[in-house]
Each structure stands twice: as C-alpha cells, then as structure tokens.
C-alpha atoms as a PDB file:
ATOM      1  CA  UNK A   1       0.000   0.000   0.000  1.00  0.00           C
ATOM      2  CA  UNK A   2       2.840   2.387   0.849  1.00  0.00           C
ATOM      3  CA  UNK A   3       4.483   1.844  -2.535  1.00  0.00           C
ATOM      4  CA  UNK A   4       1.159   2.415  -4.268  1.00  0.00           C
ATOM      5  CA  UNK A   5       0.674   5.742  -2.476  1.00  0.00           C
ATOM      6  CA  UNK A   6       4.214   6.808  -3.358  1.00  0.00           C
ATOM      7  CA  UNK A   7       3.632   5.834  -6.987  1.00  0.00           C
ATOM      8  CA  UNK A   8       0.370   7.824  -7.101  1.00  0.00           C
ATOM      9  CA  UNK A   9       2.127  10.823  -5.560  1.00  0.00           C
ATOM     10  CA  UNK A  10       4.896  10.695  -8.156  1.00  0.00           C
ATOM     11  CA  UNK A  11       2.377  10.395 -10.991  1.00  0.00           C
ATOM     12  CA  UNK A  12       0.483  13.443  -9.715  1.00  0.00           C
ATOM     13  CA  UNK A  13       3.714  15.442  -9.427  1.00  0.00           C
ATOM     14  CA  UNK A  14       4.612  14.560 -13.011  1.00  0.00           C
ATOM     15  CA  UNK A  15       1.141  15.467 -14.265  1.00  0.00           C
ATOM     16  CA  UNK A  16       0.689  18.685 -12.305  1.00  0.00           C
ATOM     17  CA  UNK A  17       4.245  19.911 -11.739  1.00  0.00           C
ATOM     18  CA  UNK A  18       3.489  23.216 -13.434  1.00  0.00           C
ATOM     19  CA  UNK A  19       0.590  23.973 -11.074  1.00  0.00           C
ATOM     20  CA  UNK A  20       2.745  23.062  -8.075  1.00  0.00           C
ATOM     21  CA  UNK A  21       5.460  25.369  -9.380  1.00  0.00           C
ATOM     22  CA  UNK A  22       2.876  28.113  -9.866  1.00  0.00           C
ATOM     23  CA  UNK A  23       1.911  27.882  -6.185  1.00  0.00           C
ATOM     24  CA  UNK A  24       5.547  28.575  -5.295  1.00  0.00           C
ATOM     25  CA  UNK A  25       5.830  31.353  -7.879  1.00  0.00           C
ATOM     26  CA  UNK A  26       2.527  33.078  -7.027  1.00  0.00           C
ATOM     27  CA  UNK A  27       3.982  35.707  -4.671  1.00  0.00           C
ATOM     28  CA  UNK A  28       6.891  36.671  -7.002  1.00  0.00           C
ATOM     29  CA  UNK A  29       4.435  36.946  -9.910  1.00  0.00           C
ATOM     30  CA  UNK A  30       2.111  39.131  -7.815  1.00  0.00           C
ATOM     31  CA  UNK A  31       5.042  41.412  -6.946  1.00  0.00           C
ATOM     32  CA  UNK A  32       6.125  41.485 -10.602  1.00  0.00           C
ATOM     33  CA  UNK A  33       2.600  42.401 -11.766  1.00  0.00           C
ATOM     34  CA  UNK A  34       2.380  45.197  -9.186  1.00  0.00           C
ATOM     35  CA  UNK A  35       5.735  46.550 -10.349  1.00  0.00           C
ATOM     36  CA  UNK A  36       4.629  46.483 -13.992  1.00  0.00           C
ATOM     37  CA  UNK A  37       1.417  48.372 -13.192  1.00  0.00           C
ATOM     38  CA  UNK A  38       3.248  51.035 -11.170  1.00  0.00           C
ATOM     39  CA  UNK A  39       5.900  51.461 -13.852  1.00  0.00           C
ATOM     40  CA  UNK A  40       3.164  52.010 -16.428  1.00  0.00           C
ATOM     41  CA  UNK A  41       1.514  54.666 -14.234  1.00  0.00           C
ATOM     42  CA  UNK A  42       4.799  56.499 -13.703  1.00  0.00           C
ATOM     43  CA  UNK A  43       5.937  56.125 -17.345  1.00  0.00           C
ATOM     44  CA  UNK A  44       9.018  54.197 -16.298  1.00  0.00           C
ATOM     45  CA  UNK A  45      10.283  51.307 -18.384  1.00  0.00           C
ATOM     46  CA  UNK A  46       9.829  48.040 -16.486  1.00  0.00           C
ATOM     47  CA  UNK A  47      12.222  45.142 -16.411  1.00  0.00           C
ATOM     48  CA  UNK A  48      15.991  45.119 -16.672  1.00  0.00           C
ATOM     49  CA  UNK A  49      17.464  48.157 -18.335  1.00  0.00           C
ATOM     50  CA  UNK A  50      19.879  47.861 -21.235  1.00  0.00           C
ATOM     51  CA  UNK A  51      23.201  49.642 -21.452  1.00  0.00           C
ATOM     52  CA  UNK A  52      24.781  48.047 -18.365  1.00  0.00           C
ATOM     53  CA  UNK A  53      28.211  46.410 -18.534  1.00  0.00           C
ATOM     54  CA  UNK A  54      28.035  43.002 -20.200  1.00  0.00           C
ATOM     55  CA  UNK A  55      29.352  41.010 -17.224  1.00  0.00           C
ATOM     56  CA  UNK A  56      28.680  37.357 -16.541  1.00  0.00           C
ATOM     57  CA  UNK A  57      26.508  38.346 -13.558  1.00  0.00           C
ATOM     58  CA  UNK A  58      24.430  40.717 -15.647  1.00  0.00           C
ATOM     59  CA  UNK A  59      24.113  38.113 -18.407  1.00  0.00           C
ATOM     60  CA  UNK A  60      22.780  35.605 -15.875  1.00  0.00           C
ATOM     61  CA  UNK A  61      20.291  38.134 -14.476  1.00  0.00           C
ATOM     62  CA  UNK A  62      18.960  38.862 -17.928  1.00  0.00           C
ATOM     63  CA  UNK A  63      18.588  35.145 -18.648  1.00  0.00           C
ATOM     64  CA  UNK A  64      16.721  34.555 -15.396  1.00  0.00           C
ATOM     65  CA  UNK A  65      14.491  37.573 -16.060  1.00  0.00           C
ATOM     66  CA  UNK A  66      13.662  36.300 -19.534  1.00  0.00           C
ATOM     67  CA  UNK A  67      12.946  32.827 -18.173  1.00  0.00           C
ATOM     68  CA  UNK A  68      10.620  34.296 -15.531  1.00  0.00           C
ATOM     69  CA  UNK A  69       8.615  36.403 -17.998  1.00  0.00           C
ATOM     70  CA  UNK A  70       8.331  33.492 -20.417  1.00  0.00           C
ATOM     71  CA  UNK A  71       7.120  31.295 -17.569  1.00  0.00           C
ATOM     72  CA  UNK A  72       4.303  33.779 -16.926  1.00  0.00           C
ATOM     73  CA  UNK A  73       3.247  33.391 -20.557  1.00  0.00           C
ATOM     74  CA  UNK A  74       3.357  29.604 -20.237  1.00  0.00           C
ATOM     75  CA  UNK A  75       1.385  29.419 -16.988  1.00  0.00           C
ATOM     76  CA  UNK A  76      -1.220  31.821 -18.403  1.00  0.00           C
ATOM     77  CA  UNK A  77      -1.893  29.366 -21.227  1.00  0.00           C
ATOM     78  CA  UNK A  78      -2.187  26.527 -18.711  1.00  0.00           C
ATOM     79  CA  UNK A  79      -4.461  28.500 -16.377  1.00  0.00           C
ATOM     80  CA  UNK A  80      -6.719  29.385 -19.281  1.00  0.00           C
ATOM     81  CA  UNK A  81      -7.475  25.662 -19.570  1.00  0.00           C
ATOM     82  CA  UNK A  82      -8.101  25.161 -15.848  1.00  0.00           C
ATOM     83  CA  UNK A  83     -11.736  24.025 -15.453  1.00  0.00           C
ATOM     84  CA  UNK A  84     -13.025  26.673 -13.042  1.00  0.00           C
ATOM     85  CA  UNK A  85     -14.062  30.208 -13.983  1.00  0.00           C
ATOM     86  CA  UNK A  86     -14.157  31.225 -10.326  1.00  0.00           C
ATOM     87  CA  UNK A  87     -10.610  30.080  -9.573  1.00  0.00           C
ATOM     88  CA  UNK A  88      -9.234  31.593 -12.782  1.00  0.00           C
ATOM     89  CA  UNK A  89     -10.877  34.906 -11.950  1.00  0.00           C
ATOM     90  CA  UNK A  90      -9.363  34.919  -8.446  1.00  0.00           C
ATOM     91  CA  UNK A  91      -5.900  34.243  -9.868  1.00  0.00           C
ATOM     92  CA  UNK A  92      -6.262  36.929 -12.550  1.00  0.00           C
ATOM     93  CA  UNK A  93      -7.371  39.466  -9.922  1.00  0.00           C
ATOM     94  CA  UNK A  94      -5.105  38.739  -6.988  1.00  0.00           C
ATOM     95  CA  UNK A  95      -1.973  37.231  -8.559  1.00  0.00           C
ATOM     96  CA  UNK A  96      -1.800  38.809 -12.031  1.00  0.00           C
ATOM     97  CA  UNK A  97      -3.457  42.081 -10.944  1.00  0.00           C
ATOM     98  CA  UNK A  98      -6.066  42.285 -13.700  1.00  0.00           C
ATOM     99  CA  UNK A  99      -8.975  44.620 -12.983  1.00  0.00           C
ATOM    100  CA  UNK A 100     -12.118  42.488 -13.286  1.00  0.00           C
ATOM    101  CA  UNK A 101     -15.516  43.904 -12.386  1.00  0.00           C
ATOM    102  CA  UNK A 102     -18.350  42.173 -10.542  1.00  0.00           C
ATOM    103  CA  UNK A 103     -19.404  38.935 -12.292  1.00  0.00           C
ATOM    104  CA  UNK A 104     -17.012  39.483 -15.184  1.00  0.00           C
ATOM    105  CA  UNK A 105     -16.534  36.126 -16.908  1.00  0.00           C
ATOM    106  CA  UNK A 106     -13.490  34.940 -18.844  1.00  0.00           C
ATOM    107  CA  UNK A 107     -14.354  31.662 -20.504  1.00  0.00           C
ATOM    108  CA  UNK A 108     -12.257  28.588 -21.184  1.00  0.00           C
ATOM    109  CA  UNK A 109      -8.991  28.954 -23.090  1.00  0.00           C
ATOM    110  CA  UNK A 110      -8.556  32.724 -22.706  1.00  0.00           C
ATOM    111  CA  UNK A 111      -4.994  33.943 -23.338  1.00  0.00           C
ATOM    112  CA  UNK A 112      -3.916  37.216 -21.740  1.00  0.00           C
ATOM    113  CA  UNK A 113      -0.700  39.125 -22.356  1.00  0.00           C
ATOM    114  CA  UNK A 114       0.278  41.660 -19.660  1.00  0.00           C
ATOM    115  CA  UNK A 115      -2.640  40.907 -17.342  1.00  0.00           C
ATOM    116  CA  UNK A 116      -1.992  44.039 -15.252  1.00  0.00           C
ATOM    117  CA  UNK A 117      -3.020  46.234 -18.221  1.00  0.00           C
ATOM    118  CA  UNK A 118      -6.401  44.522 -18.654  1.00  0.00           C
ATOM    119  CA  UNK A 119      -9.618  46.036 -17.302  1.00  0.00           C
ATOM    120  CA  UNK A 120     -12.986  44.285 -17.739  1.00  0.00           C
ATOM    121  CA  UNK A 121     -16.182  45.937 -16.505  1.00  0.00           C
ATOM    122  CA  UNK A 122     -19.058  44.518 -14.492  1.00  0.00           C
ATOM    123  CA  UNK A 123     -20.935  41.553 -16.016  1.00  0.00           C
ATOM    124  CA  UNK A 124     -18.905  41.553 -19.226  1.00  0.00           C
ATOM    125  CA  UNK A 125     -18.306  38.178 -20.867  1.00  0.00           C
ATOM    126  CA  UNK A 126     -15.163  37.054 -22.697  1.00  0.00           C
ATOM    127  CA  UNK A 127     -15.782  34.028 -24.937  1.00  0.00           C
ATOM    128  CA  UNK A 128     -13.821  30.819 -25.404  1.00  0.00           C
ATOM    129  CA  UNK A 129     -10.244  31.013 -26.662  1.00  0.00           C
ATOM    130  CA  UNK A 130     -10.096  34.798 -26.779  1.00  0.00           C
ATOM    131  CA  UNK A 131      -6.671  36.407 -27.151  1.00  0.00           C
ATOM    132  CA  UNK A 132      -6.318  39.638 -25.183  1.00  0.00           C
ATOM    133  CA  UNK A 133      -2.997  41.299 -25.949  1.00  0.00           C
ATOM    134  CA  UNK A 134      -3.058  43.970 -23.244  1.00  0.00           C
ATOM    135  CA  UNK A 135       0.585  45.028 -23.484  1.00  0.00           C
ATOM    136  CA  UNK A 136      -0.475  48.631 -24.140  1.00  0.00           C
ATOM    137  CA  UNK A 137      -3.838  48.415 -22.368  1.00  0.00           C
ATOM    138  CA  UNK A 138      -7.280  46.912 -23.040  1.00  0.00           C
ATOM    139  CA  UNK A 139     -10.242  48.626 -21.365  1.00  0.00           C
ATOM    140  CA  UNK A 140     -13.632  46.909 -21.628  1.00  0.00           C
ATOM    141  CA  UNK A 141     -16.841  48.484 -20.310  1.00  0.00           C
ATOM    142  CA  UNK A 142     -19.873  46.887 -18.658  1.00  0.00           C
ATOM    143  CA  UNK A 143     -22.194  44.243 -20.179  1.00  0.00           C
ATOM    144  CA  UNK A 144     -19.903  43.699 -23.147  1.00  0.00           C
ATOM    145  CA  UNK A 145     -20.337  40.403 -25.012  1.00  0.00           C
ATOM    146  CA  UNK A 146     -17.129  39.191 -26.668  1.00  0.00           C
ATOM    147  CA  UNK A 147     -17.723  35.932 -28.554  1.00  0.00           C
ATOM    148  CA  UNK A 148     -15.395  32.962 -29.071  1.00  0.00           C
ATOM    149  CA  UNK A 149     -12.027  33.213 -30.852  1.00  0.00           C
ATOM    150  CA  UNK A 150     -11.863  37.016 -30.779  1.00  0.00           C
ATOM    151  CA  UNK A 151      -8.370  38.510 -30.970  1.00  0.00           C
ATOM    152  CA  UNK A 152      -7.508  41.969 -29.644  1.00  0.00           C
ATOM    153  CA  UNK A 153      -4.025  43.384 -30.262  1.00  0.00           C
ATOM    154  CA  UNK A 154      -2.392  46.477 -28.762  1.00  0.00           C
ATOM    155  CA  UNK A 155       1.121  45.832 -30.064  1.00  0.00           C
ATOM    156  CA  UNK A 156       2.425  45.764 -33.626  1.00  0.00           C
ATOM    157  CA  UNK A 157       5.748  45.706 -35.433  1.00  0.00           C
ATOM    158  CA  UNK A 158       6.563  48.742 -37.564  1.00  0.00           C
ATOM    159  CA  UNK A 159       7.203  47.447 -41.092  1.00  0.00           C
ATOM    160  CA  UNK A 160       8.944  50.746 -41.920  1.00  0.00           C
ATOM    161  CA  UNK A 161      11.507  50.342 -39.141  1.00  0.00           C
ATOM    162  CA  UNK A 162      14.909  49.068 -40.379  1.00  0.00           C
ATOM    163  CA  UNK A 163      15.026  46.600 -37.468  1.00  0.00           C
ATOM    164  CA  UNK A 164      11.292  45.732 -37.598  1.00  0.00           C
ATOM    165  CA  UNK A 165      10.820  47.020 -34.044  1.00  0.00           C
ATOM    166  CA  UNK A 166       7.559  47.795 -32.232  1.00  0.00           C
ATOM    167  CA  UNK A 167       7.143  51.573 -31.969  1.00  0.00           C
ATOM    168  CA  UNK A 168       4.164  51.408 -29.634  1.00  0.00           C
ATOM    169  CA  UNK A 169       3.040  53.436 -26.611  1.00  0.00           C
ATOM    170  CA  UNK A 170      -0.108  54.084 -24.553  1.00  0.00           C
ATOM    171  CA  UNK A 171      -1.933  55.382 -27.655  1.00  0.00           C
ATOM    172  CA  UNK A 172      -2.019  51.791 -28.916  1.00  0.00           C
ATOM    173  CA  UNK A 173      -4.558  50.864 -26.226  1.00  0.00           C
ATOM    174  CA  UNK A 174      -7.941  49.410 -27.237  1.00  0.00           C
ATOM    175  CA  UNK A 175     -11.130  50.718 -25.616  1.00  0.00           C
ATOM    176  CA  UNK A 176     -14.489  48.966 -25.839  1.00  0.00           C
ATOM    177  CA  UNK A 177     -17.460  50.800 -24.333  1.00  0.00           C
ATOM    178  CA  UNK A 178     -20.452  49.277 -22.558  1.00  0.00           C
ATOM    179  CA  UNK A 179     -22.965  46.912 -24.236  1.00  0.00           C
ATOM    180  CA  UNK A 180     -20.808  46.277 -27.274  1.00  0.00           C
ATOM    181  CA  UNK A 181     -21.347  42.915 -28.972  1.00  0.00           C
ATOM    182  CA  UNK A 182     -18.338  41.459 -30.778  1.00  0.00           C
ATOM    183  CA  UNK A 183     -19.056  38.416 -32.930  1.00  0.00           C
ATOM    184  CA  UNK A 184     -16.908  35.279 -33.206  1.00  0.00           C
ATOM    185  CA  UNK A 185     -13.467  35.376 -34.847  1.00  0.00           C
ATOM    186  CA  UNK A 186     -13.303  39.160 -34.959  1.00  0.00           C
ATOM    187  CA  UNK A 187      -9.842  40.759 -35.002  1.00  0.00           C
ATOM    188  CA  UNK A 188      -9.404  44.179 -33.376  1.00  0.00           C
ATOM    189  CA  UNK A 189      -6.146  46.006 -34.034  1.00  0.00           C
ATOM    190  CA  UNK A 190      -4.367  48.575 -31.882  1.00  0.00           C
ATOM    191  CA  UNK A 191      -5.529  52.142 -31.171  1.00  0.00           C
ATOM    192  CA  UNK A 192      -9.205  51.315 -31.769  1.00  0.00           C
ATOM    193  CA  UNK A 193     -12.076  52.774 -29.741  1.00  0.00           C
ATOM    194  CA  UNK A 194     -15.400  50.948 -30.125  1.00  0.00           C
ATOM    195  CA  UNK A 195     -18.318  53.130 -29.055  1.00  0.00           C
ATOM    196  CA  UNK A 196     -21.195  52.156 -26.780  1.00  0.00           C
ATOM    197  CA  UNK A 197     -23.662  49.551 -28.041  1.00  0.00           C
ATOM    198  CA  UNK A 198     -21.832  48.886 -31.307  1.00  0.00           C
ATOM    199  CA  UNK A 199     -22.028  45.478 -33.017  1.00  0.00           C
ATOM    200  CA  UNK A 200     -19.077  43.884 -34.827  1.00  0.00           C
ATOM    201  CA  UNK A 201     -20.173  41.082 -37.181  1.00  0.00           C
ATOM    202  CA  UNK A 202     -18.440  37.693 -37.204  1.00  0.00           C
ATOM    203  CA  UNK A 203     -15.051  37.574 -38.909  1.00  0.00           C
ATOM    204  CA  UNK A 204     -14.642  41.338 -39.224  1.00  0.00           C
ATOM    205  CA  UNK A 205     -11.270  43.083 -38.904  1.00  0.00           C
ATOM    206  CA  UNK A 206     -11.519  46.388 -37.027  1.00  0.00           C
ATOM    207  CA  UNK A 207      -8.756  48.848 -37.878  1.00  0.00           C
ATOM    208  CA  UNK A 208     -10.382  52.206 -37.028  1.00  0.00           C
ATOM    209  CA  UNK A 209     -12.655  53.719 -34.378  1.00  0.00           C
ATOM    210  CA  UNK A 210     -16.261  52.521 -34.388  1.00  0.00           C
ATOM    211  CA  UNK A 211     -19.132  54.998 -33.771  1.00  0.00           C
ATOM    212  CA  UNK A 212     -21.599  54.189 -30.959  1.00  0.00           C
ATOM    213  CA  UNK A 213     -24.559  51.920 -31.867  1.00  0.00           C
ATOM    214  CA  UNK A 214     -23.228  51.190 -35.344  1.00  0.00           C
ATOM    215  CA  UNK A 215     -23.194  47.730 -36.941  1.00  0.00           C
ATOM    216  CA  UNK A 216     -19.855  46.909 -38.568  1.00  0.00           C
ATOM    217  CA  UNK A 217     -18.893  44.072 -40.925  1.00  0.00           C
ATOM    218  CA  UNK A 218     -16.193  43.136 -43.418  1.00  0.00           C
ATOM    219  CA  UNK A 219     -12.434  43.385 -43.894  1.00  0.00           C
ATOM    220  CA  UNK A 220     -11.710  46.109 -43.033  1.00  0.00           C
ATOM    221  CA  UNK A 221     -14.897  46.648 -41.014  1.00  0.00           C
ATOM    222  CA  UNK A 222     -17.376  49.171 -42.431  1.00  0.00           C
ATOM    223  CA  UNK A 223     -20.713  50.430 -41.174  1.00  0.00           C
ATOM    224  CA  UNK A 224     -23.688  48.475 -42.573  1.00  0.00           C
ATOM    225  CA  UNK A 225     -26.407  49.614 -40.170  1.00  0.00           C
ATOM    226  CA  UNK A 226     -27.376  51.000 -36.787  1.00  0.00           C
ATOM    227  CA  UNK A 227     -28.565  49.540 -33.496  1.00  0.00           C
ATOM    228  CA  UNK A 228     -31.340  50.949 -31.269  1.00  0.00           C
ATOM    229  CA  UNK A 229     -29.920  53.462 -28.820  1.00  0.00           C
ATOM    230  CA  UNK A 230     -32.117  52.745 -25.787  1.00  0.00           C
ATOM    231  CA  UNK A 231     -30.309  49.655 -24.504  1.00  0.00           C
ATOM    232  CA  UNK A 232     -30.810  48.695 -20.864  1.00  0.00           C
ATOM    233  CA  UNK A 233     -29.967  44.981 -20.557  1.00  0.00           C
ATOM    234  CA  UNK A 234     -27.563  43.619 -17.954  1.00  0.00           C
ATOM    235  CA  UNK A 235     -26.042  40.145 -18.184  1.00  0.00           C
ATOM    236  CA  UNK A 236     -26.838  37.686 -15.410  1.00  0.00           C
ATOM    237  CA  UNK A 237     -24.679  34.683 -16.417  1.00  0.00           C
ATOM    238  CA  UNK A 238     -23.606  32.432 -13.556  1.00  0.00           C
ATOM    239  CA  UNK A 239     -20.246  30.750 -13.080  1.00  0.00           C
ATOM    240  CA  UNK A 240     -19.736  27.202 -14.290  1.00  0.00           C
ATOM    241  CA  UNK A 241     -18.222  24.646 -11.918  1.00  0.00           C
ATOM    242  CA  UNK A 242     -16.241  22.763 -14.560  1.00  0.00           C
ATOM    243  CA  UNK A 243     -15.596  25.299 -17.279  1.00  0.00           C
END
C-alpha cells in the first residue's frame, strides 16, 4: 500500500508539476505584476534596463528575467485551460493584478498578455479562446459580449523600421465601451475605440474607431447599419463549476 501511495504521488507530481510550481511562484508573480502596473503609471520602463556592462553576472540576471517572464506566458496558457471560472478569476485578480468587475466572466482557453493592463467591466463576458494582448492596455466596459475566438491586439511591429521594431506606446490601447457585442473570430487592431452599443459582425477586422450603436462588418470593417440606442440589458450569467 505504501508503494502504491508513493507511486500515485509521483504520478500526480509529473502530471501537475506546473501547477505546483505556480503555487511557489505566485507571490513573485504578484510582486512582478504590481511593479509592472506602477511602472506604467509612472511612465518608467519596467524590467531590466539595457546599457549596463556586459558582465557574466548581468548576463545571468537577464537570462533569469527572460525565463521568468516566459514562464508567466506559459502558466497563463495553462491557467486558461483550468476548469473553473471562479478560480481563474481569483488568480487573474489577486496574482496577475487584472482589474475584473463584478461577475465578469473569462471563458475557457482565454490567453492574456500583460494581465496588469487589462480592465474588464461589471458583467462583461469574454468568450472561449479569446486572445487579449493587453501590453499597451485593453479597457472593456460593462455588459460587453465578446464571442469565441476574438483577438484583440495592442502591439504591432513597424514594417517601416529598419530593425522591424515595435514603436508602440499608450496610444495603442484598445477601448471597448459598454454593451458592445463582438461576434466570433473578430480581429481588433491597436488604437481602436469601439463606441457604446456597437455590433461587430463575425469575422470582421476592425482597424479604425467605431461609432456608438453602429453595426460593422467586413475586412476592413465598415458600417452596414445601426442599433437601437435605448439599450438597458444587464447580463446575469452564472459561473460554471467545470468550465
């Protein structure tokens, strides 16, 4: 019996080593996320600064820093598949420092980049397998419905730059006002502001600001209609135990 228990313990460690490691790394990640948020508010550049002497010690620090930030990306992908909305929401709020409103729901498979720059309003719903690239800020209002497989980007390489660098800043943030409905497989690019109550049809690519209560479709998205302006609904979705 003792050997069986030891074998079961070893199997569980092999299967769930990354979650066990995350428990140990939770406090450093929380501190890191707080530092990133404060650096954004004070316009300081986070992380290790370049231009220091290229010593072996500095090289090791940079390697460890890169490993740590890449681990955050890895564990985010794993947590997105964890079968509990409630637990994921607690981790996003209290470890990764995302701002999530009351009853905000992030469904199964959500991928978040730079969690500390993500703000989701009360009762808003993020669909399955959404990609939220919040490196320069994503701000979502209340009662927003974002369908499955939506991708929102706030970072982009500059094709005109000789080194193909990203010339982004806070103006690359994406803002989505209350009661917007975004259909499945929509792509929203940086610097876009989607006005209140707007509808983005499935598969559209949004490259420019969207007027309130407009209905947009196509690549690139263009206005094809309008939505009634007297919207008053509030979502009442409940958490799922195993989703």
